[in-house]
């Protein structure tokens, strides 16, 4: 049974090369190899929303979080569009995580992994 997993990390390849970015890339590409769908929500270094596909992984890059309301709005739009079965994040201490925790009970997510 194919699952759709939404990974949330501050940066994603090629913008981030540190531990969490590297681990997220390994996880997402392995999920795709095993027949699952992997989606990434990460920060962009410029002030615009950008969507691309890298090695079978759909990547949403959003502007650096300015406030919780903006982060929550973008996250809701993406989660409603993607309808993930699992949400996984390594992005601790940022307003996007606060937005996830605030809206997860109201979203169609079946399982959240924090």
Foldseek 3Di string as FASTA:
>chain_A
DAFEEEEEEADEPPVDDDDVNVVLVVVQLVSVVVPYAYEYEYADDDQAWDWDADNRYIYIHHHADDDLVVLLVVVVVVCVVRVGQEYHYPHPDGSNVVSCVVCVVVGNHNYYDD
